Amino acid sequence: MAACLSEDEMCQYRRQLIMPDIGAAGQKRLKQASVMIAGVGGLGGLSALHMTAAGVGRLVIVDMDRVADHNLKQF
């Protein structure tokens, strides 16, 4: 596999690396993976967050909704 894990990645994913079902080989596969999420509502937004935290290498997010001004204002 071409994707090597840097020292920072080894530190960041250390808990995943010690899991027998993931290990270094699994983490390298996650780094090489591409995932598309259709819709970034409640479920899609959380999925994107968790996939990023898990180390998925390429994340494509597609959402056809338009951003409304009232959604951007802080309370």
PDB file of N, CA and C in Angstrom:
ATOM      1  N   MET A   1       0.841  -1.189   0.000  1.00  0.00           N
ATOM      2  CA  MET A   1       0.000   0.000   0.000  1.00  0.00           C
ATOM      3  C   MET A   1       0.876   1.238   0.000  1.00  0.00           C
ATOM      4  N   ALA A   2       0.474   2.204  -0.801  1.00  0.00           N
ATOM      5  CA  ALA A   2       1.279   3.399  -0.968  1.00  0.00           C
ATOM      6  C   ALA A   2       1.091   4.400   0.173  1.00  0.00           C
ATOM      7  N   ALA A   3      -0.077   4.407   0.781  1.00  0.00           N
ATOM      8  CA  ALA A   3      -0.367   5.402   1.820  1.00  0.00           C
ATOM      9  C   ALA A   3       0.301   5.008   3.132  1.00  0.00           C
ATOM     10  N   CYS A   4       1.293   5.760   3.531  1.00  0.00           N
ATOM     11  CA  CYS A   4       1.962   5.536   4.817  1.00  0.00           C
ATOM     12  C   CYS A   4       1.347   6.484   5.844  1.00  0.00           C
ATOM     13  N   LEU A   5       1.393   6.084   7.080  1.00  0.00           N
ATOM     14  CA  LEU A   5       0.876   6.932   8.151  1.00  0.00           C
ATOM     15  C   LEU A   5       2.020   7.751   8.730  1.00  0.00           C
ATOM     16  N   SER A   6       1.803   9.051   8.846  1.00  0.00           N
ATOM     17  CA  SER A   6       2.809   9.938   9.431  1.00  0.00           C
ATOM     18  C   SER A   6       2.834   9.750  10.944  1.00  0.00           C
ATOM     19  N   GLU A   7       3.820  10.346  11.581  1.00  0.00           N
ATOM     20  CA  GLU A   7       3.911  10.285  13.044  1.00  0.00           C
ATOM     21  C   GLU A   7       2.675  10.906  13.689  1.00  0.00           C
ATOM     22  N   ASP A   8       2.208  12.037  13.129  1.00  0.00           N
ATOM     23  CA  ASP A   8       1.012  12.692  13.661  1.00  0.00           C
ATOM     24  C   ASP A   8      -0.211  11.790  13.527  1.00  0.00           C
ATOM     25  N   GLU A   9      -0.339  11.111  12.381  1.00  0.00           N
ATOM     26  CA  GLU A   9      -1.468  10.206  12.176  1.00  0.00           C
ATOM     27  C   GLU A   9      -1.383   9.008  13.116  1.00  0.00           C
ATOM     28  N   MET A  10      -0.187   8.504  13.332  1.00  0.00           N
ATOM     29  CA  MET A  10      -0.012   7.388  14.266  1.00  0.00           C
ATOM     30  C   MET A  10      -0.477   7.790  15.666  1.00  0.00           C
ATOM     31  N   CYS A  11      -0.182   9.013  16.059  1.00  0.00           N
ATOM     32  CA  CYS A  11      -0.608   9.522  17.371  1.00  0.00           C
ATOM     33  C   CYS A  11      -2.123   9.749  17.396  1.00  0.00           C
ATOM     34  N   GLN A  12      -2.656  10.352  16.337  1.00  0.00           N
ATOM     35  CA  GLN A  12      -4.079  10.670  16.283  1.00  0.00           C
ATOM     36  C   GLN A  12      -4.950   9.414  16.281  1.00  0.00           C
ATOM     37  N   TYR A  13      -4.542   8.392  15.560  1.00  0.00           N
ATOM     38  CA  TYR A  13      -5.346   7.181  15.411  1.00  0.00           C
ATOM     39  C   TYR A  13      -4.841   6.033  16.288  1.00  0.00           C
ATOM     40  N   ARG A  14      -4.105   6.317  17.339  1.00  0.00           N
ATOM     41  CA  ARG A  14      -3.478   5.277  18.147  1.00  0.00           C
ATOM     42  C   ARG A  14      -4.480   4.280  18.721  1.00  0.00           C
ATOM     43  N   ARG A  15      -5.669   4.735  19.062  1.00  0.00           N
ATOM     44  CA  ARG A  15      -6.665   3.810  19.624  1.00  0.00           C
ATOM     45  C   ARG A  15      -7.225   2.881  18.555  1.00  0.00           C
ATOM     46  N   GLN A  16      -7.343   3.357  17.348  1.00  0.00           N
ATOM     47  CA  GLN A  16      -7.795   2.500  16.256  1.00  0.00           C
ATOM     48  C   GLN A  16      -6.699   1.517  15.864  1.00  0.00           C
ATOM     49  N   LEU A  17      -5.466   1.940  15.957  1.00  0.00           N
ATOM     50  CA  LEU A  17      -4.345   1.097  15.556  1.00  0.00           C
ATOM     51  C   LEU A  17      -4.185  -0.118  16.463  1.00  0.00           C
ATOM     52  N   ILE A  18      -4.611  -0.005  17.726  1.00  0.00           N
ATOM     53  CA  ILE A  18      -4.467  -1.136  18.634  1.00  0.00           C
ATOM     54  C   ILE A  18      -5.638  -2.119  18.541  1.00  0.00           C
ATOM     55  N   MET A  19      -6.679  -1.761  17.803  1.00  0.00           N
ATOM     56  CA  MET A  19      -7.815  -2.662  17.636  1.00  0.00           C
ATOM     57  C   MET A  19      -7.463  -3.737  16.608  1.00  0.00           C
ATOM     58  N   PRO A  20      -7.617  -5.006  16.967  1.00  0.00           N
ATOM     59  CA  PRO A  20      -7.225  -6.090  16.060  1.00  0.00           C
ATOM     60  C   PRO A  20      -7.930  -6.047  14.707  1.00  0.00           C
ATOM     61  N   ASP A  21      -9.181  -5.585  14.674  1.00  0.00           N
ATOM     62  CA  ASP A  21      -9.920  -5.554  13.408  1.00  0.00           C
ATOM     63  C   ASP A  21      -9.542  -4.377  12.513  1.00  0.00           C
ATOM     64  N   ILE A  22      -8.815  -3.407  13.031  1.00  0.00           N
ATOM     65  CA  ILE A  22      -8.397  -2.260  12.220  1.00  0.00           C
ATOM     66  C   ILE A  22      -6.889  -2.294  12.041  1.00  0.00           C
ATOM     67  N   GLY A  23      -6.146  -2.006  13.072  1.00  0.00           N
ATOM     68  CA  GLY A  23      -4.687  -2.033  12.989  1.00  0.00           C
ATOM     69  C   GLY A  23      -4.137  -1.049  11.956  1.00  0.00           C
ATOM     70  N   ALA A  24      -2.861  -1.140  11.690  1.00  0.00           N
ATOM     71  CA  ALA A  24      -2.206  -0.233  10.748  1.00  0.00           C
ATOM     72  C   ALA A  24      -2.705  -0.446   9.323  1.00  0.00           C
ATOM     73  N   ALA A  25      -2.928  -1.701   8.943  1.00  0.00           N
ATOM     74  CA  ALA A  25      -3.389  -1.984   7.576  1.00  0.00           C
ATOM     75  C   ALA A  25      -4.776  -1.394   7.332  1.00  0.00           C
ATOM     76  N   GLY A  26      -5.662  -1.534   8.304  1.00  0.00           N
ATOM     77  CA  GLY A  26      -7.007  -0.976   8.176  1.00  0.00           C
ATOM     78  C   GLY A  26      -7.000   0.538   8.144  1.00  0.00           C
ATOM     79  N   GLN A  27      -6.126   1.151   8.951  1.00  0.00           N
ATOM     80  CA  GLN A  27      -6.042   2.613   8.973  1.00  0.00           C
ATOM     81  C   GLN A  27      -5.506   3.133   7.645  1.00  0.00           C
ATOM     82  N   LYS A  28      -4.590   2.424   7.042  1.00  0.00           N
ATOM     83  CA  LYS A  28      -4.077   2.809   5.727  1.00  0.00           C
ATOM     84  C   LYS A  28      -5.185   2.701   4.676  1.00  0.00           C
ATOM     85  N   ARG A  29      -6.019   1.670   4.771  1.00  0.00           N
ATOM     86  CA  ARG A  29      -7.140   1.542   3.832  1.00  0.00           C
ATOM     87  C   ARG A  29      -8.132   2.685   4.019  1.00  0.00           C
ATOM     88  N   LEU A  30      -8.390   3.087   5.276  1.00  0.00           N
ATOM     89  CA  LEU A  30      -9.261   4.241   5.522  1.00  0.00           C
ATOM     90  C   LEU A  30      -8.676   5.504   4.904  1.00  0.00           C
ATOM     91  N   LYS A  31      -7.368   5.682   5.017  1.00  0.00           N
ATOM     92  CA  LYS A  31      -6.700   6.860   4.456  1.00  0.00           C
ATOM     93  C   LYS A  31      -6.831   6.893   2.934  1.00  0.00           C
ATOM     94  N   GLN A  32      -6.861   5.728   2.300  1.00  0.00           N
ATOM     95  CA  GLN A  32      -6.980   5.656   0.844  1.00  0.00           C
ATOM     96  C   GLN A  32      -8.436   5.685   0.367  1.00  0.00           C
ATOM     97  N   ALA A  33      -9.392   5.552   1.282  1.00  0.00           N
ATOM     98  CA  ALA A  33     -10.805   5.446   0.922  1.00  0.00           C
ATOM     99  C   ALA A  33     -11.385   6.781   0.474  1.00  0.00           C
ATOM    100  N   SER A  34     -12.378   6.685  -0.399  1.00  0.00           N
ATOM    101  CA  SER A  34     -13.181   7.833  -0.825  1.00  0.00           C
ATOM    102  C   SER A  34     -14.631   7.541  -0.482  1.00  0.00           C
ATOM    103  N   VAL A  35     -15.300   8.515   0.122  1.00  0.00           N
ATOM    104  CA  VAL A  35     -16.695   8.354   0.528  1.00  0.00           C
ATOM    105  C   VAL A  35     -17.476   9.567   0.065  1.00  0.00           C
ATOM    106  N   MET A  36     -18.688   9.331  -0.485  1.00  0.00           N
ATOM    107  CA  MET A  36     -19.578  10.432  -0.844  1.00  0.00           C
ATOM    108  C   MET A  36     -20.781  10.394   0.091  1.00  0.00           C
ATOM    109  N   ILE A  37     -21.115  11.538   0.632  1.00  0.00           N
ATOM    110  CA  ILE A  37     -22.289  11.663   1.488  1.00  0.00           C
ATOM    111  C   ILE A  37     -23.301  12.525   0.744  1.00  0.00           C
ATOM    112  N   ALA A  38     -24.495  11.974   0.521  1.00  0.00           N
ATOM    113  CA  ALA A  38     -25.573  12.706  -0.147  1.00  0.00           C
ATOM    114  C   ALA A  38     -26.493  13.286   0.914  1.00  0.00           C
ATOM    115  N   GLY A  39     -26.445  14.589   1.074  1.00  0.00           N
ATOM    116  CA  GLY A  39     -27.261  15.265   2.069  1.00  0.00           C
ATOM    117  C   GLY A  39     -26.509  15.442   3.373  1.00  0.00           C
ATOM    118  N   VAL A  40     -26.471  16.676   3.859  1.00  0.00           N
ATOM    119  CA  VAL A  40     -25.731  16.959   5.077  1.00  0.00           C
ATOM    120  C   VAL A  40     -26.685  17.502   6.143  1.00  0.00           C
ATOM    121  N   GLY A  41     -27.793  16.782   6.293  1.00  0.00           N
ATOM    122  CA  GLY A  41     -28.726  17.123   7.353  1.00  0.00           C
ATOM    123  C   GLY A  41     -28.223  16.566   8.662  1.00  0.00           C
ATOM    124  N   GLY A  42     -29.133  16.183   9.530  1.00  0.00           N
ATOM    125  CA  GLY A  42     -28.747  15.658  10.833  1.00  0.00           C
ATOM    126  C   GLY A  42     -27.881  14.422  10.743  1.00  0.00           C
ATOM    127  N   LEU A  43     -28.245  13.460   9.926  1.00  0.00           N
ATOM    128  CA  LEU A  43     -27.482  12.226   9.817  1.00  0.00           C
ATOM    129  C   LEU A  43     -26.228  12.399   8.966  1.00  0.00           C
ATOM    130  N   GLY A  44     -26.340  13.100   7.840  1.00  0.00           N
ATOM    131  CA  GLY A  44     -25.190  13.294   6.956  1.00  0.00           C
ATOM    132  C   GLY A  44     -24.090  14.131   7.590  1.00  0.00           C
ATOM    133  N   GLY A  45     -24.476  15.141   8.346  1.00  0.00           N
ATOM    134  CA  GLY A  45     -23.493  15.986   9.014  1.00  0.00           C
ATOM    135  C   GLY A  45     -22.698  15.225  10.063  1.00  0.00           C
ATOM    136  N   LEU A  46     -23.386  14.419  10.844  1.00  0.00           N
ATOM    137  CA  LEU A  46     -22.703  13.610  11.851  1.00  0.00           C
ATOM    138  C   LEU A  46     -21.834  12.531  11.194  1.00  0.00           C
ATOM    139  N   SER A  47     -22.336  11.953  10.105  1.00  0.00           N
ATOM    140  CA  SER A  47     -21.547  10.951   9.383  1.00  0.00           C
ATOM    141  C   SER A  47     -20.254  11.560   8.862  1.00  0.00           C
ATOM    142  N   ALA A  48     -20.340  12.763   8.300  1.00  0.00           N
ATOM    143  CA  ALA A  48     -19.149  13.441   7.784  1.00  0.00           C
ATOM    144  C   ALA A  48     -18.143  13.703   8.906  1.00  0.00           C
ATOM    145  N   LEU A  49     -18.632  14.136  10.042  1.00  0.00           N
ATOM    146  CA  LEU A  49     -17.771  14.399  11.191  1.00  0.00           C
ATOM    147  C   LEU A  49     -17.041  13.133  11.633  1.00  0.00           C
ATOM    148  N   HIS A  50     -17.783  12.042  11.767  1.00  0.00           N
ATOM    149  CA  HIS A  50     -17.185  10.798  12.252  1.00  0.00           C
ATOM    150  C   HIS A  50     -16.246  10.171  11.228  1.00  0.00           C
ATOM    151  N   MET A  51     -16.569  10.268   9.956  1.00  0.00           N
ATOM    152  CA  MET A  51     -15.667   9.730   8.931  1.00  0.00           C
ATOM    153  C   MET A  51     -14.369  10.516   8.867  1.00  0.00           C
ATOM    154  N   THR A  52     -14.467  11.814   9.044  1.00  0.00           N
ATOM    155  CA  THR A  52     -13.264  12.637   9.083  1.00  0.00           C
ATOM    156  C   THR A  52     -12.414  12.275  10.299  1.00  0.00           C
ATOM    157  N   ALA A  53     -13.060  12.128  11.441  1.00  0.00           N
ATOM    158  CA  ALA A  53     -12.330  11.775  12.658  1.00  0.00           C
ATOM    159  C   ALA A  53     -11.709  10.385  12.576  1.00  0.00           C
ATOM    160  N   ALA A  54     -12.340   9.483  11.826  1.00  0.00           N
ATOM    161  CA  ALA A  54     -11.816   8.123  11.694  1.00  0.00           C
ATOM    162  C   ALA A  54     -10.634   8.056  10.734  1.00  0.00           C
ATOM    163  N   GLY A  55     -10.472   9.091   9.894  1.00  0.00           N
ATOM    164  CA  GLY A  55      -9.329   9.127   8.996  1.00  0.00           C
ATOM    165  C   GLY A  55      -9.622   8.795   7.555  1.00  0.00           C
ATOM    166  N   VAL A  56     -10.896   8.890   7.138  1.00  0.00           N
ATOM    167  CA  VAL A  56     -11.217   8.659   5.726  1.00  0.00           C
ATOM    168  C   VAL A  56     -10.474   9.699   4.896  1.00  0.00           C
ATOM    169  N   GLY A  57      -9.767   9.235   3.865  1.00  0.00           N
ATOM    170  CA  GLY A  57      -8.878  10.105   3.098  1.00  0.00           C
ATOM    171  C   GLY A  57      -9.560  11.162   2.249  1.00  0.00           C
ATOM    172  N   ARG A  58     -10.666  10.805   1.576  1.00  0.00           N
ATOM    173  CA  ARG A  58     -11.334  11.759   0.687  1.00  0.00           C
ATOM    174  C   ARG A  58     -12.817  11.696   0.981  1.00  0.00           C
ATOM    175  N   LEU A  59     -13.388  12.840   1.303  1.00  0.00           N
ATOM    176  CA  LEU A  59     -14.802  12.932   1.642  1.00  0.00           C
ATOM    177  C   LEU A  59     -15.456  13.935   0.697  1.00  0.00           C
ATOM    178  N   VAL A  60     -16.436  13.465  -0.080  1.00  0.00           N
ATOM    179  CA  VAL A  60     -17.183  14.322  -0.998  1.00  0.00           C
ATOM    180  C   VAL A  60     -18.568  14.505  -0.412  1.00  0.00           C
ATOM    181  N   ILE A  61     -18.975  15.756  -0.263  1.00  0.00           N
ATOM    182  CA  ILE A  61     -20.275  16.057   0.332  1.00  0.00           C
ATOM    183  C   ILE A  61     -21.147  16.733  -0.716  1.00  0.00           C
ATOM    184  N   VAL A  62     -22.337  16.146  -0.943  1.00  0.00           N
ATOM    185  CA  VAL A  62     -23.275  16.673  -1.930  1.00  0.00           C
ATOM    186  C   VAL A  62     -24.567  17.003  -1.216  1.00  0.00           C
ATOM    187  N   ASP A  63     -25.012  18.239  -1.350  1.00  0.00           N
ATOM    188  CA  ASP A  63     -26.269  18.658  -0.753  1.00  0.00           C
ATOM    189  C   ASP A  63     -26.900  19.682  -1.678  1.00  0.00           C
ATOM    190  N   MET A  64     -28.111  19.432  -2.099  1.00  0.00           N
ATOM    191  CA  MET A  64     -28.779  20.309  -3.053  1.00  0.00           C
ATOM    192  C   MET A  64     -29.509  21.474  -2.388  1.00  0.00           C
ATOM    193  N   ASP A  65     -29.598  21.500  -1.066  1.00  0.00           N
ATOM    194  CA  ASP A  65     -30.274  22.593  -0.370  1.00  0.00           C
ATOM    195  C   ASP A  65     -29.471  23.873  -0.487  1.00  0.00           C
ATOM    196  N   ARG A  66     -30.184  24.972  -0.414  1.00  0.00           N
ATOM    197  CA  ARG A  66     -29.537  26.278  -0.406  1.00  0.00           C
ATOM    198  C   ARG A  66     -29.429  26.750   1.035  1.00  0.00           C
ATOM    199  N   VAL A  67     -28.348  27.439   1.330  1.00  0.00           N
ATOM    200  CA  VAL A  67     -28.153  27.967   2.670  1.00  0.00           C
ATOM    201  C   VAL A  67     -29.035  29.193   2.847  1.00  0.00           C
ATOM    202  N   ALA A  68     -29.842  29.179   3.878  1.00  0.00           N
ATOM    203  CA  ALA A  68     -30.709  30.318   4.182  1.00  0.00           C
ATOM    204  C   ALA A  68     -30.001  31.238   5.160  1.00  0.00           C
ATOM    205  N   ASP A  69     -30.183  32.528   4.977  1.00  0.00           N
ATOM    206  CA  ASP A  69     -29.522  33.522   5.820  1.00  0.00           C
ATOM    207  C   ASP A  69     -29.856  33.318   7.294  1.00  0.00           C
ATOM    208  N   HIS A  70     -31.091  32.965   7.592  1.00  0.00           N
ATOM    209  CA  HIS A  70     -31.480  32.797   9.010  1.00  0.00           C
ATOM    210  C   HIS A  70     -30.776  31.606   9.657  1.00  0.00           C
ATOM    211  N   ASN A  71     -30.244  30.675   8.882  1.00  0.00           N
ATOM    212  CA  ASN A  71     -29.500  29.534   9.448  1.00  0.00           C
ATOM    213  C   ASN A  71     -28.075  29.905   9.823  1.00  0.00           C
ATOM    214  N   LEU A  72     -27.584  31.027   9.339  1.00  0.00           N
ATOM    215  CA  LEU A  72     -26.216  31.432   9.580  1.00  0.00           C
ATOM    216  C   LEU A  72     -26.062  32.371  10.766  1.00  0.00           C
ATOM    217  N   LYS A  73     -27.139  32.928  11.233  1.00  0.00           N
ATOM    218  CA  LYS A  73     -27.084  33.889  12.344  1.00  0.00           C
ATOM    219  C   LYS A  73     -26.950  33.145  13.649  1.00  0.00           C
ATOM    220  N   GLN A  74     -26.099  33.667  14.520  1.00  0.00           N
ATOM    221  CA  GLN A  74     -25.916  33.057  15.831  1.00  0.00           C
ATOM    222  C   GLN A  74     -26.972  33.573  16.787  1.00  0.00           C
ATOM    223  N   PHE A  75     -27.304  32.730  17.739  1.00  0.00           N
ATOM    224  CA  PHE A  75     -28.334  33.117  18.710  1.00  0.00           C
ATOM    225  C   PHE A  75     -27.734  33.786  19.898  1.00  0.00           C
TER     226      PHE A  75
END
